[in-house]
Amino acid sequence: MTTATSEDFVDSSVGAAVKLSDVLSNDEIRPFTVRSDIRAAWMVLFNFAIIGAAFALPVLWTNPLTILLSILLLGGRQLGLAVVYHDCSHSVFFRTRWLNDFIGHWLAGGLLNTSMYAYRNYHLKHHRFAGTVDDPDMPLANNYPATKASLKRKFLRDLTGRTGVKTVAAQLRRLRPLRNAPFLTSHVLLFTVLWLSGAAWTYALWWVAHIFVYFVILRLRFISEHGVAIDRLSPDARENTSTTILSWWERLFIGPNYVNLHLEHHLSAAVPCYRLAPLHKLLAQRGFFDGFECLSTGYLDVLKKAVKPA
């Protein structure tokens, strides 16, 4: 196991008021920045075990409820894969650099038709300029809080598949065999495995989940991270970013792989997602969050905060 270095990631925002090193000593920080191939591989395998179970469930017990459960699980695990390529883009998920590139770009990014390298260029700007008008996510964040009617329209577009169809159609129009080789390769492999298992029809569930569930979760995730932040132009991560404390079922279906601990991630992108939970616990014990409205309790709490006061 190794500790991430400053060459691997963007560790703080421009002019950040509070950095992790302002709160914890270097000796306290060091264990949180240790990367582990074993921990990362376990997380990848765990996510694919759930994906495999989601495909198997409606085959073993074919009925509307198991099909619905399968779709919900697949939608959540698609975000789980997004978390994997996110951490790989920071080069902190695996200890081994080529594993970050391969798993992030070809497997996790491939299944979601996302180039990890293009994502990295965009995402590191978000970290570098968080708390400023130059944050590339600022135009989207400024849509929240929204009126109740506006929020309903947004989620209705997602739930009815309008967002998903529009996004997938745009991706397919730009599809090129070489540029999108990870997407084509990973989906041929996925379909082949399902076909050899005698469950080729379940491949359609991946796309149903992607079009009707994934983008709902994606919007909820973004709102929980920056949409309900109390001051997006503050250099303090406790004001421009939020963390959400989740129940076990929210972690299973909506917020996988510690994606909910986003404030902690902004304090230091050197910390792999599988070490964010103990970091959050230590910071809470030190009173780091006290006096700041940066924590939400569940996604229902997030939605309440996302509604603009009348």
C-alpha atoms as a PDB file:
ATOM      1  CA  MET A   1       0.000   0.000   0.000  1.00  0.00           C
ATOM      2  CA  THR A   2       1.162   3.525  -0.745  1.00  0.00           C
ATOM      3  CA  THR A   3       0.179   7.024   0.210  1.00  0.00           C
ATOM      4  CA  ALA A   4      -1.064   9.298  -2.576  1.00  0.00           C
ATOM      5  CA  THR A   5       1.142  12.215  -3.531  1.00  0.00           C
ATOM      6  CA  SER A   6       0.301  15.715  -4.684  1.00  0.00           C
ATOM      7  CA  GLU A   7       1.086  14.725  -8.263  1.00  0.00           C
ATOM      8  CA  ASP A   8      -1.922  12.404  -8.356  1.00  0.00           C
ATOM      9  CA  PHE A   9      -4.761  14.771  -7.621  1.00  0.00           C
ATOM     10  CA  VAL A  10      -5.954  18.296  -6.995  1.00  0.00           C
ATOM     11  CA  ASP A  11      -6.104  18.444  -3.218  1.00  0.00           C
ATOM     12  CA  SER A  12      -7.834  21.740  -2.499  1.00  0.00           C
ATOM     13  CA  SER A  13      -9.902  24.542  -3.956  1.00  0.00           C
ATOM     14  CA  VAL A  14      -8.506  27.880  -5.034  1.00  0.00           C
ATOM     15  CA  GLY A  15      -8.095  30.002  -1.930  1.00  0.00           C
ATOM     16  CA  ALA A  16      -9.671  27.335   0.262  1.00  0.00           C
ATOM     17  CA  ALA A  17     -10.402  28.702   3.735  1.00  0.00           C
ATOM     18  CA  VAL A  18     -10.090  25.283   5.391  1.00  0.00           C
ATOM     19  CA  LYS A  19      -7.950  22.361   4.308  1.00  0.00           C
ATOM     20  CA  LEU A  20      -7.699  18.960   5.913  1.00  0.00           C
ATOM     21  CA  SER A  21      -4.193  19.836   7.083  1.00  0.00           C
ATOM     22  CA  ASP A  22      -5.669  22.755   9.048  1.00  0.00           C
ATOM     23  CA  VAL A  23      -7.785  20.316  11.057  1.00  0.00           C
ATOM     24  CA  LEU A  24      -5.652  17.198  11.387  1.00  0.00           C
ATOM     25  CA  SER A  25      -1.924  16.676  11.743  1.00  0.00           C
ATOM     26  CA  ASN A  26       0.074  15.055   8.947  1.00  0.00           C
ATOM     27  CA  ASP A  27       0.376  11.884  11.036  1.00  0.00           C
ATOM     28  CA  GLU A  28      -3.413  11.809  11.446  1.00  0.00           C
ATOM     29  CA  ILE A  29      -4.044  12.431   7.747  1.00  0.00           C
ATOM     30  CA  ARG A  30      -1.581   9.863   6.430  1.00  0.00           C
ATOM     31  CA  PRO A  31      -3.650   6.696   7.129  1.00  0.00           C
ATOM     32  CA  PHE A  32      -6.622   8.176   5.277  1.00  0.00           C
ATOM     33  CA  THR A  33      -4.603   8.717   2.092  1.00  0.00           C
ATOM     34  CA  VAL A  34      -3.264   5.166   1.894  1.00  0.00           C
ATOM     35  CA  ARG A  35      -4.383   3.478  -1.312  1.00  0.00           C
ATOM     36  CA  SER A  36      -5.069  -0.240  -1.388  1.00  0.00           C
ATOM     37  CA  ASP A  37      -5.461  -2.534  -4.395  1.00  0.00           C
ATOM     38  CA  ILE A  38      -7.225  -5.037  -2.142  1.00  0.00           C
ATOM     39  CA  ARG A  39      -9.787  -2.554  -0.803  1.00  0.00           C
ATOM     40  CA  ALA A  40     -10.407  -1.154  -4.283  1.00  0.00           C
ATOM     41  CA  ALA A  41     -10.741  -4.607  -5.864  1.00  0.00           C
ATOM     42  CA  TRP A  42     -13.152  -5.655  -3.115  1.00  0.00           C
ATOM     43  CA  MET A  43     -15.321  -2.612  -3.756  1.00  0.00           C
ATOM     44  CA  VAL A  44     -15.387  -3.320  -7.500  1.00  0.00           C
ATOM     45  CA  LEU A  45     -16.265  -6.978  -6.879  1.00  0.00           C
ATOM     46  CA  PHE A  46     -18.960  -6.007  -4.373  1.00  0.00           C
ATOM     47  CA  ASN A  47     -20.581  -3.670  -6.899  1.00  0.00           C
ATOM     48  CA  PHE A  48     -20.516  -6.340  -9.594  1.00  0.00           C
ATOM     49  CA  ALA A  49     -21.895  -8.902  -7.168  1.00  0.00           C
ATOM     50  CA  ILE A  50     -24.915  -6.660  -6.671  1.00  0.00           C
ATOM     51  CA  ILE A  51     -25.177  -6.145 -10.439  1.00  0.00           C
ATOM     52  CA  GLY A  52     -25.014  -9.906 -10.923  1.00  0.00           C
ATOM     53  CA  ALA A  53     -27.671 -10.463  -8.269  1.00  0.00           C
ATOM     54  CA  ALA A  54     -29.861  -7.814  -9.900  1.00  0.00           C
ATOM     55  CA  PHE A  55     -29.714  -9.686 -13.202  1.00  0.00           C
ATOM     56  CA  ALA A  56     -30.251 -13.077 -11.536  1.00  0.00           C
ATOM     57  CA  LEU A  57     -33.195 -12.067  -9.365  1.00  0.00           C
ATOM     58  CA  PRO A  58     -35.877 -11.738 -12.097  1.00  0.00           C
ATOM     59  CA  VAL A  59     -34.579 -14.884 -13.792  1.00  0.00           C
ATOM     60  CA  LEU A  60     -34.950 -17.002 -10.668  1.00  0.00           C
ATOM     61  CA  TRP A  61     -38.263 -15.420  -9.654  1.00  0.00           C
ATOM     62  CA  THR A  62     -39.869 -13.752 -12.630  1.00  0.00           C
ATOM     63  CA  ASN A  63     -42.562 -11.343 -11.525  1.00  0.00           C
ATOM     64  CA  PRO A  64     -43.150  -7.567 -11.628  1.00  0.00           C
ATOM     65  CA  LEU A  65     -41.716  -6.999  -8.149  1.00  0.00           C
ATOM     66  CA  THR A  66     -38.404  -8.747  -8.819  1.00  0.00           C
ATOM     67  CA  ILE A  67     -38.076  -6.959 -12.160  1.00  0.00           C
ATOM     68  CA  LEU A  68     -38.675  -3.619 -10.429  1.00  0.00           C
ATOM     69  CA  LEU A  69     -36.176  -4.470  -7.696  1.00  0.00           C
ATOM     70  CA  SER A  70     -33.643  -5.450 -10.339  1.00  0.00           C
ATOM     71  CA  ILE A  71     -34.074  -2.125 -12.137  1.00  0.00           C
ATOM     72  CA  LEU A  72     -33.684  -0.144  -8.911  1.00  0.00           C
ATOM     73  CA  LEU A  73     -30.546  -2.059  -7.922  1.00  0.00           C
ATOM     74  CA  LEU A  74     -29.014  -1.609 -11.372  1.00  0.00           C
ATOM     75  CA  GLY A  75     -29.707   2.125 -11.350  1.00  0.00           C
ATOM     76  CA  GLY A  76     -27.964   2.502  -8.000  1.00  0.00           C
ATOM     77  CA  ARG A  77     -24.991   0.406  -9.047  1.00  0.00           C
ATOM     78  CA  GLN A  78     -24.580   2.458 -12.198  1.00  0.00           C
ATOM     79  CA  LEU A  79     -23.873   5.367  -9.884  1.00  0.00           C
ATOM     80  CA  GLY A  80     -21.586   3.000  -8.004  1.00  0.00           C
ATOM     81  CA  LEU A  81     -19.570   2.528 -11.201  1.00  0.00           C
ATOM     82  CA  ALA A  82     -19.501   6.310 -11.644  1.00  0.00           C
ATOM     83  CA  VAL A  83     -17.962   6.585  -8.167  1.00  0.00           C
ATOM     84  CA  VAL A  84     -15.330   4.042  -9.201  1.00  0.00           C
ATOM     85  CA  TYR A  85     -14.254   5.940 -12.302  1.00  0.00           C
ATOM     86  CA  HIS A  86     -14.431   9.174 -10.295  1.00  0.00           C
ATOM     87  CA  ASP A  87     -11.898   7.887  -7.755  1.00  0.00           C
ATOM     88  CA  CYS A  88      -9.812   6.354 -10.531  1.00  0.00           C
ATOM     89  CA  SER A  89      -9.734   9.754 -12.246  1.00  0.00           C
ATOM     90  CA  HIS A  90      -8.079  11.112  -9.089  1.00  0.00           C
ATOM     91  CA  SER A  91      -5.592   8.197  -9.257  1.00  0.00           C
ATOM     92  CA  VAL A  92      -6.370   7.310  -5.640  1.00  0.00           C
ATOM     93  CA  PHE A  93      -8.665   4.270  -5.926  1.00  0.00           C
ATOM     94  CA  PHE A  94      -6.068   1.603  -6.683  1.00  0.00           C
ATOM     95  CA  ARG A  95      -2.487   1.676  -5.474  1.00  0.00           C
ATOM     96  CA  THR A  96      -1.390   0.555  -8.947  1.00  0.00           C
ATOM     97  CA  ARG A  97      -1.638   3.339 -11.499  1.00  0.00           C
ATOM     98  CA  TRP A  98      -2.472   1.167 -14.503  1.00  0.00           C
ATOM     99  CA  LEU A  99      -5.366  -0.394 -12.575  1.00  0.00           C
ATOM    100  CA  ASN A 100      -6.828   3.065 -11.993  1.00  0.00           C
ATOM    101  CA  ASP A 101      -6.632   3.732 -15.720  1.00  0.00           C
ATOM    102  CA  PHE A 102      -7.881   0.332 -16.853  1.00  0.00           C
ATOM    103  CA  ILE A 103     -10.747  -0.142 -14.393  1.00  0.00           C
ATOM    104  CA  GLY A 104     -11.733   3.521 -14.486  1.00  0.00           C
ATOM    105  CA  HIS A 105     -11.708   3.953 -18.250  1.00  0.00           C
ATOM    106  CA  TRP A 106     -12.416   0.529 -19.698  1.00  0.00           C
ATOM    107  CA  LEU A 107     -14.694  -1.099 -17.151  1.00  0.00           C
ATOM    108  CA  ALA A 108     -16.551   1.442 -14.998  1.00  0.00           C
ATOM    109  CA  GLY A 109     -16.377   4.252 -17.529  1.00  0.00           C
ATOM    110  CA  GLY A 110     -16.952   1.846 -20.401  1.00  0.00           C
ATOM    111  CA  LEU A 111     -20.251   0.524 -19.096  1.00  0.00           C
ATOM    112  CA  LEU A 112     -21.492   4.094 -18.644  1.00  0.00           C
ATOM    113  CA  ASN A 113     -20.049   5.302 -21.963  1.00  0.00           C
ATOM    114  CA  THR A 114     -17.901   7.856 -20.155  1.00  0.00           C
ATOM    115  CA  SER A 115     -14.278   8.575 -20.976  1.00  0.00           C
ATOM    116  CA  MET A 116     -12.467   8.705 -17.649  1.00  0.00           C
ATOM    117  CA  TYR A 117      -9.791  10.926 -19.165  1.00  0.00           C
ATOM    118  CA  ALA A 118     -12.271  13.492 -20.453  1.00  0.00           C
ATOM    119  CA  TYR A 119     -14.106  13.319 -17.140  1.00  0.00           C
ATOM    120  CA  ARG A 120     -10.824  13.879 -15.254  1.00  0.00           C
ATOM    121  CA  ASN A 121     -10.087  17.080 -17.172  1.00  0.00           C
ATOM    122  CA  TYR A 122     -13.510  18.442 -16.306  1.00  0.00           C
ATOM    123  CA  HIS A 123     -13.702  17.192 -12.744  1.00  0.00           C
ATOM    124  CA  LEU A 124     -10.328  18.479 -11.597  1.00  0.00           C
ATOM    125  CA  LYS A 125     -11.441  21.960 -12.644  1.00  0.00           C
ATOM    126  CA  HIS A 126     -14.442  21.509 -10.362  1.00  0.00           C
ATOM    127  CA  HIS A 127     -12.101  20.783  -7.458  1.00  0.00           C
ATOM    128  CA  ARG A 128      -9.684  23.539  -8.322  1.00  0.00           C
ATOM    129  CA  PHE A 129     -12.361  26.214  -8.622  1.00  0.00           C
ATOM    130  CA  ALA A 130     -14.917  25.022  -6.056  1.00  0.00           C
ATOM    131  CA  GLY A 131     -16.266  28.015  -4.176  1.00  0.00           C
ATOM    132  CA  THR A 132     -15.690  30.382  -7.098  1.00  0.00           C
ATOM    133  CA  VAL A 133     -17.598  31.529 -10.176  1.00  0.00           C
ATOM    134  CA  ASP A 134     -15.133  29.535 -12.302  1.00  0.00           C
ATOM    135  CA  ASP A 135     -16.427  26.205 -10.980  1.00  0.00           C
ATOM    136  CA  PRO A 136     -17.746  24.435 -14.127  1.00  0.00           C
ATOM    137  CA  ASP A 137     -20.587  22.954 -12.028  1.00  0.00           C
ATOM    138  CA  MET A 138     -21.757  26.383 -10.892  1.00  0.00           C
ATOM    139  CA  PRO A 139     -24.411  26.885 -13.637  1.00  0.00           C
ATOM    140  CA  LEU A 140     -26.080  23.610 -12.660  1.00  0.00           C
ATOM    141  CA  ALA A 141     -25.784  24.278  -8.928  1.00  0.00           C
ATOM    142  CA  ASN A 142     -27.417  27.656  -9.369  1.00  0.00           C
ATOM    143  CA  ASN A 143     -30.652  25.886 -10.351  1.00  0.00           C
ATOM    144  CA  TYR A 144     -31.106  25.021  -6.663  1.00  0.00           C
ATOM    145  CA  PRO A 145     -32.870  25.584  -4.371  1.00  0.00           C
ATOM    146  CA  ALA A 146     -35.841  25.565  -6.753  1.00  0.00           C
ATOM    147  CA  THR A 147     -39.529  26.139  -6.343  1.00  0.00           C
ATOM    148  CA  LYS A 148     -41.538  23.033  -5.537  1.00  0.00           C
ATOM    149  CA  ALA A 149     -43.121  23.146  -8.998  1.00  0.00           C
ATOM    150  CA  SER A 150     -39.731  23.451 -10.714  1.00  0.00           C
ATOM    151  CA  LEU A 151     -38.279  20.601  -8.685  1.00  0.00           C
ATOM    152  CA  LYS A 152     -41.245  18.388  -9.562  1.00  0.00           C
ATOM    153  CA  ARG A 153     -40.800  19.159 -13.282  1.00  0.00           C
ATOM    154  CA  LYS A 154     -37.106  18.300 -13.124  1.00  0.00           C
ATOM    155  CA  PHE A 155     -37.656  14.964 -11.435  1.00  0.00           C
ATOM    156  CA  LEU A 156     -40.625  14.183 -13.670  1.00  0.00           C
ATOM    157  CA  ARG A 157     -38.386  14.580 -16.721  1.00  0.00           C
ATOM    158  CA  ASP A 158     -35.992  12.084 -15.169  1.00  0.00           C
ATOM    159  CA  LEU A 159     -38.614   9.603 -13.997  1.00  0.00           C
ATOM    160  CA  THR A 160     -40.392   9.515 -17.351  1.00  0.00           C
ATOM    161  CA  GLY A 161     -37.116   8.881 -19.166  1.00  0.00           C
ATOM    162  CA  ARG A 162     -36.987  12.173 -21.058  1.00  0.00           C
ATOM    163  CA  THR A 163     -33.582  13.073 -19.583  1.00  0.00           C
ATOM    164  CA  GLY A 164     -32.230   9.583 -20.162  1.00  0.00           C
ATOM    165  CA  VAL A 165     -33.465   9.254 -23.744  1.00  0.00           C
ATOM    166  CA  LYS A 166     -32.112  12.683 -24.639  1.00  0.00           C
ATOM    167  CA  THR A 167     -28.717  11.923 -23.091  1.00  0.00           C
ATOM    168  CA  VAL A 168     -28.339   8.451 -24.569  1.00  0.00           C
ATOM    169  CA  ALA A 169     -29.492   9.641 -27.998  1.00  0.00           C
ATOM    170  CA  ALA A 170     -26.846  12.382 -27.940  1.00  0.00           C
ATOM    171  CA  GLN A 171     -24.179   9.839 -26.949  1.00  0.00           C
ATOM    172  CA  LEU A 172     -25.193   7.478 -29.743  1.00  0.00           C
ATOM    173  CA  ARG A 173     -25.054  10.268 -32.318  1.00  0.00           C
ATOM    174  CA  ARG A 174     -21.440  10.911 -31.292  1.00  0.00           C
ATOM    175  CA  LEU A 175     -20.568   7.218 -31.182  1.00  0.00           C
ATOM    176  CA  ARG A 176     -17.303   6.312 -32.936  1.00  0.00           C
ATOM    177  CA  PRO A 177     -15.899   2.747 -32.880  1.00  0.00           C
ATOM    178  CA  LEU A 178     -12.391   3.694 -31.762  1.00  0.00           C
ATOM    179  CA  ARG A 179     -13.237   6.510 -29.379  1.00  0.00           C
ATOM    180  CA  ASN A 180     -16.039   4.509 -27.767  1.00  0.00           C
ATOM    181  CA  ALA A 181     -14.218   1.169 -27.754  1.00  0.00           C
ATOM    182  CA  PRO A 182     -14.558   0.788 -23.939  1.00  0.00           C
ATOM    183  CA  PHE A 183     -18.333   1.212 -24.188  1.00  0.00           C
ATOM    184  CA  LEU A 184     -18.718  -1.199 -27.093  1.00  0.00           C
ATOM    185  CA  THR A 185     -16.348  -3.782 -25.608  1.00  0.00           C
ATOM    186  CA  SER A 186     -17.833  -3.761 -22.104  1.00  0.00           C
ATOM    187  CA  HIS A 187     -21.403  -4.034 -23.370  1.00  0.00           C
ATOM    188  CA  VAL A 188     -20.579  -6.852 -25.777  1.00  0.00           C
ATOM    189  CA  LEU A 189     -19.007  -8.683 -22.830  1.00  0.00           C
ATOM    190  CA  LEU A 190     -21.990  -7.939 -20.582  1.00  0.00           C
ATOM    191  CA  PHE A 191     -24.492  -9.161 -23.166  1.00  0.00           C
ATOM    192  CA  THR A 192     -22.365 -12.250 -23.908  1.00  0.00           C
ATOM    193  CA  VAL A 193     -22.219 -13.225 -20.232  1.00  0.00           C
ATOM    194  CA  LEU A 194     -25.989 -12.807 -19.891  1.00  0.00           C
ATOM    195  CA  TRP A 195     -26.617 -14.725 -23.114  1.00  0.00           C
ATOM    196  CA  LEU A 196     -24.369 -17.611 -22.067  1.00  0.00           C
ATOM    197  CA  SER A 197     -26.222 -17.645 -18.750  1.00  0.00           C
ATOM    198  CA  GLY A 198     -29.503 -18.071 -20.588  1.00  0.00           C
ATOM    199  CA  ALA A 199     -30.715 -14.636 -19.507  1.00  0.00           C
ATOM    200  CA  ALA A 200     -30.084 -12.461 -22.553  1.00  0.00           C
ATOM    201  CA  TRP A 201     -33.417 -10.681 -22.064  1.00  0.00           C
ATOM    202  CA  THR A 202     -32.200  -9.161 -18.792  1.00  0.00           C
ATOM    203  CA  TYR A 203     -29.725  -7.002 -20.726  1.00  0.00           C
ATOM    204  CA  ALA A 204     -32.705  -4.734 -21.464  1.00  0.00           C
ATOM    205  CA  LEU A 205     -33.040  -4.109 -17.726  1.00  0.00           C
ATOM    206  CA  TRP A 206     -29.672  -2.333 -17.745  1.00  0.00           C
ATOM    207  CA  TRP A 207     -31.036   0.222 -20.187  1.00  0.00           C
ATOM    208  CA  VAL A 208     -34.379   0.574 -18.456  1.00  0.00           C
ATOM    209  CA  ALA A 209     -32.482   1.314 -15.238  1.00  0.00           C
ATOM    210  CA  HIS A 210     -30.161   3.724 -17.022  1.00  0.00           C
ATOM    211  CA  ILE A 211     -32.920   5.697 -18.703  1.00  0.00           C
ATOM    212  CA  PHE A 212     -35.526   5.747 -15.927  1.00  0.00           C
ATOM    213  CA  VAL A 213     -33.561   5.449 -12.666  1.00  0.00           C
ATOM    214  CA  TYR A 214     -29.919   6.474 -13.066  1.00  0.00           C
ATOM    215  CA  PHE A 215     -30.626  10.088 -13.981  1.00  0.00           C
ATOM    216  CA  VAL A 216     -33.032  10.475 -11.062  1.00  0.00           C
ATOM    217  CA  ILE A 217     -30.291   9.312  -8.715  1.00  0.00           C
ATOM    218  CA  LEU A 218     -27.730  11.466 -10.492  1.00  0.00           C
ATOM    219  CA  ARG A 219     -29.815  14.605  -9.971  1.00  0.00           C
ATOM    220  CA  LEU A 220     -30.449  13.746  -6.332  1.00  0.00           C
ATOM    221  CA  ARG A 221     -26.735  13.157  -5.810  1.00  0.00           C
ATOM    222  CA  PHE A 222     -25.805  16.537  -7.276  1.00  0.00           C
ATOM    223  CA  ILE A 223     -28.432  18.389  -5.249  1.00  0.00           C
ATOM    224  CA  SER A 224     -27.172  16.716  -2.072  1.00  0.00           C
ATOM    225  CA  GLU A 225     -23.566  17.701  -2.826  1.00  0.00           C
ATOM    226  CA  HIS A 226     -23.801  21.298  -4.000  1.00  0.00           C
ATOM    227  CA  GLY A 227     -27.446  22.161  -4.626  1.00  0.00           C
ATOM    228  CA  VAL A 228     -28.259  22.634  -0.932  1.00  0.00           C
ATOM    229  CA  ALA A 229     -24.935  24.215   0.034  1.00  0.00           C
ATOM    230  CA  ILE A 230     -25.490  27.372   2.046  1.00  0.00           C
ATOM    231  CA  ASP A 231     -22.952  29.525   0.157  1.00  0.00           C
ATOM    232  CA  ARG A 232     -21.534  28.203  -3.098  1.00  0.00           C
ATOM    233  CA  LEU A 233     -19.147  31.170  -3.393  1.00  0.00           C
ATOM    234  CA  SER A 234     -17.565  30.567  -0.008  1.00  0.00           C
ATOM    235  CA  PRO A 235     -14.018  29.150  -0.015  1.00  0.00           C
ATOM    236  CA  ASP A 236     -14.951  27.019   3.013  1.00  0.00           C
ATOM    237  CA  ALA A 237     -15.989  23.485   1.963  1.00  0.00           C
ATOM    238  CA  ARG A 238     -18.463  23.403   4.861  1.00  0.00           C
ATOM    239  CA  GLU A 239     -20.379  26.153   3.096  1.00  0.00           C
ATOM    240  CA  ASN A 240     -19.949  25.316  -0.611  1.00  0.00           C
ATOM    241  CA  THR A 241     -20.378  21.527  -0.280  1.00  0.00           C
ATOM    242  CA  SER A 242     -22.618  19.169   1.710  1.00  0.00           C
ATOM    243  CA  THR A 243     -22.520  15.652   3.098  1.00  0.00           C
ATOM    244  CA  THR A 244     -25.553  13.397   3.587  1.00  0.00           C
ATOM    245  CA  ILE A 245     -25.843  10.809   6.344  1.00  0.00           C
ATOM    246  CA  LEU A 246     -27.585   7.761   4.882  1.00  0.00           C
ATOM    247  CA  SER A 247     -29.493   4.739   6.098  1.00  0.00           C
ATOM    248  CA  TRP A 248     -28.465   1.273   4.926  1.00  0.00           C
ATOM    249  CA  TRP A 249     -31.186   1.111   2.277  1.00  0.00           C
ATOM    250  CA  GLU A 250     -30.238   4.533   0.877  1.00  0.00           C
ATOM    251  CA  ARG A 251     -26.642   3.360   0.581  1.00  0.00           C
ATOM    252  CA  LEU A 252     -27.831   0.218  -1.226  1.00  0.00           C
ATOM    253  CA  PHE A 253     -30.183   1.848  -3.726  1.00  0.00           C
ATOM    254  CA  ILE A 254     -29.159   5.511  -4.045  1.00  0.00           C
ATOM    255  CA  GLY A 255     -25.823   6.457  -2.476  1.00  0.00           C
ATOM    256  CA  PRO A 256     -23.282   3.662  -3.047  1.00  0.00           C
ATOM    257  CA  ASN A 257     -19.556   3.640  -2.370  1.00  0.00           C
ATOM    258  CA  TYR A 258     -19.628   6.522   0.134  1.00  0.00           C
ATOM    259  CA  VAL A 259     -20.641   9.012  -2.551  1.00  0.00           C
ATOM    260  CA  ASN A 260     -22.684  10.775   0.135  1.00  0.00           C
ATOM    261  CA  LEU A 261     -19.543  11.933   1.982  1.00  0.00           C
ATOM    262  CA  HIS A 262     -18.799  14.661  -0.514  1.00  0.00           C
ATOM    263  CA  LEU A 263     -17.663  17.407   1.825  1.00  0.00           C
ATOM    264  CA  GLU A 264     -14.931  15.121   3.132  1.00  0.00           C
ATOM    265  CA  HIS A 265     -13.881  14.399  -0.451  1.00  0.00           C
ATOM    266  CA  HIS A 266     -13.557  18.124  -1.155  1.00  0.00           C
ATOM    267  CA  LEU A 267     -11.389  18.597   1.910  1.00  0.00           C
ATOM    268  CA  SER A 268      -8.894  16.214   0.350  1.00  0.00           C
ATOM    269  CA  ALA A 269      -9.255  14.395  -2.947  1.00  0.00           C
ATOM    270  CA  ALA A 270      -6.278  12.299  -1.806  1.00  0.00           C
ATOM    271  CA  VAL A 271      -8.588  10.219   0.372  1.00  0.00           C
ATOM    272  CA  PRO A 272     -10.022   7.154  -1.455  1.00  0.00           C
ATOM    273  CA  CYS A 273     -13.772   6.740  -1.125  1.00  0.00           C
ATOM    274  CA  TYR A 274     -13.345   3.610   1.016  1.00  0.00           C
ATOM    275  CA  ARG A 275     -11.628   5.719   3.706  1.00  0.00           C
ATOM    276  CA  LEU A 276     -14.121   8.593   3.802  1.00  0.00           C
ATOM    277  CA  ALA A 277     -16.350   7.078   6.510  1.00  0.00           C
ATOM    278  CA  PRO A 278     -13.640   6.913   9.230  1.00  0.00           C
ATOM    279  CA  LEU A 279     -12.483  10.389   8.178  1.00  0.00           C
ATOM    280  CA  HIS A 280     -16.017  11.712   8.641  1.00  0.00           C
ATOM    281  CA  LYS A 281     -16.215  10.072  12.060  1.00  0.00           C
ATOM    282  CA  LEU A 282     -12.957  11.667  13.228  1.00  0.00           C
ATOM    283  CA  LEU A 283     -13.931  15.104  11.935  1.00  0.00           C
ATOM    284  CA  ALA A 284     -17.297  14.853  13.690  1.00  0.00           C
ATOM    285  CA  GLN A 285     -15.555  13.913  16.929  1.00  0.00           C
ATOM    286  CA  ARG A 286     -13.359  17.005  16.586  1.00  0.00           C
ATOM    287  CA  GLY A 287     -16.453  19.216  16.146  1.00  0.00           C
ATOM    288  CA  PHE A 288     -15.463  20.169  12.611  1.00  0.00           C
ATOM    289  CA  PHE A 289     -19.074  20.358  11.400  1.00  0.00           C
ATOM    290  CA  ASP A 290     -20.430  22.148  14.456  1.00  0.00           C
ATOM    291  CA  GLY A 291     -22.147  25.452  13.673  1.00  0.00           C
ATOM    292  CA  PHE A 292     -22.408  24.735   9.947  1.00  0.00           C
ATOM    293  CA  GLU A 293     -25.507  23.594   8.037  1.00  0.00           C
ATOM    294  CA  CYS A 294     -23.482  21.206   5.903  1.00  0.00           C
ATOM    295  CA  LEU A 295     -24.964  17.855   6.946  1.00  0.00           C
ATOM    296  CA  SER A 296     -28.271  16.389   5.790  1.00  0.00           C
ATOM    297  CA  THR A 297     -29.941  13.332   7.280  1.00  0.00           C
ATOM    298  CA  GLY A 298     -31.125  11.223   4.362  1.00  0.00           C
ATOM    299  CA  TYR A 299     -32.247  12.236   0.897  1.00  0.00           C
ATOM    300  CA  LEU A 300     -35.706  13.281   2.100  1.00  0.00           C
ATOM    301  CA  ASP A 301     -33.975  15.962   4.159  1.00  0.00           C
ATOM    302  CA  VAL A 302     -32.025  16.958   1.036  1.00  0.00           C
ATOM    303  CA  LEU A 303     -35.232  17.353  -0.969  1.00  0.00           C
ATOM    304  CA  LYS A 304     -36.775  19.511   1.757  1.00  0.00           C
ATOM    305  CA  LYS A 305     -33.729  21.803   1.681  1.00  0.00           C
ATOM    306  CA  ALA A 306     -33.813  21.880  -2.145  1.00  0.00           C
ATOM    307  CA  VAL A 307     -37.219  23.563  -2.154  1.00  0.00           C
ATOM    308  CA  LYS A 308     -37.002  27.349  -2.306  1.00  0.00           C
ATOM    309  CA  PRO A 309     -38.910  29.033   0.547  1.00  0.00           C
ATOM    310  CA  ALA A 310     -42.243  30.473  -0.591  1.00  0.00           C
END
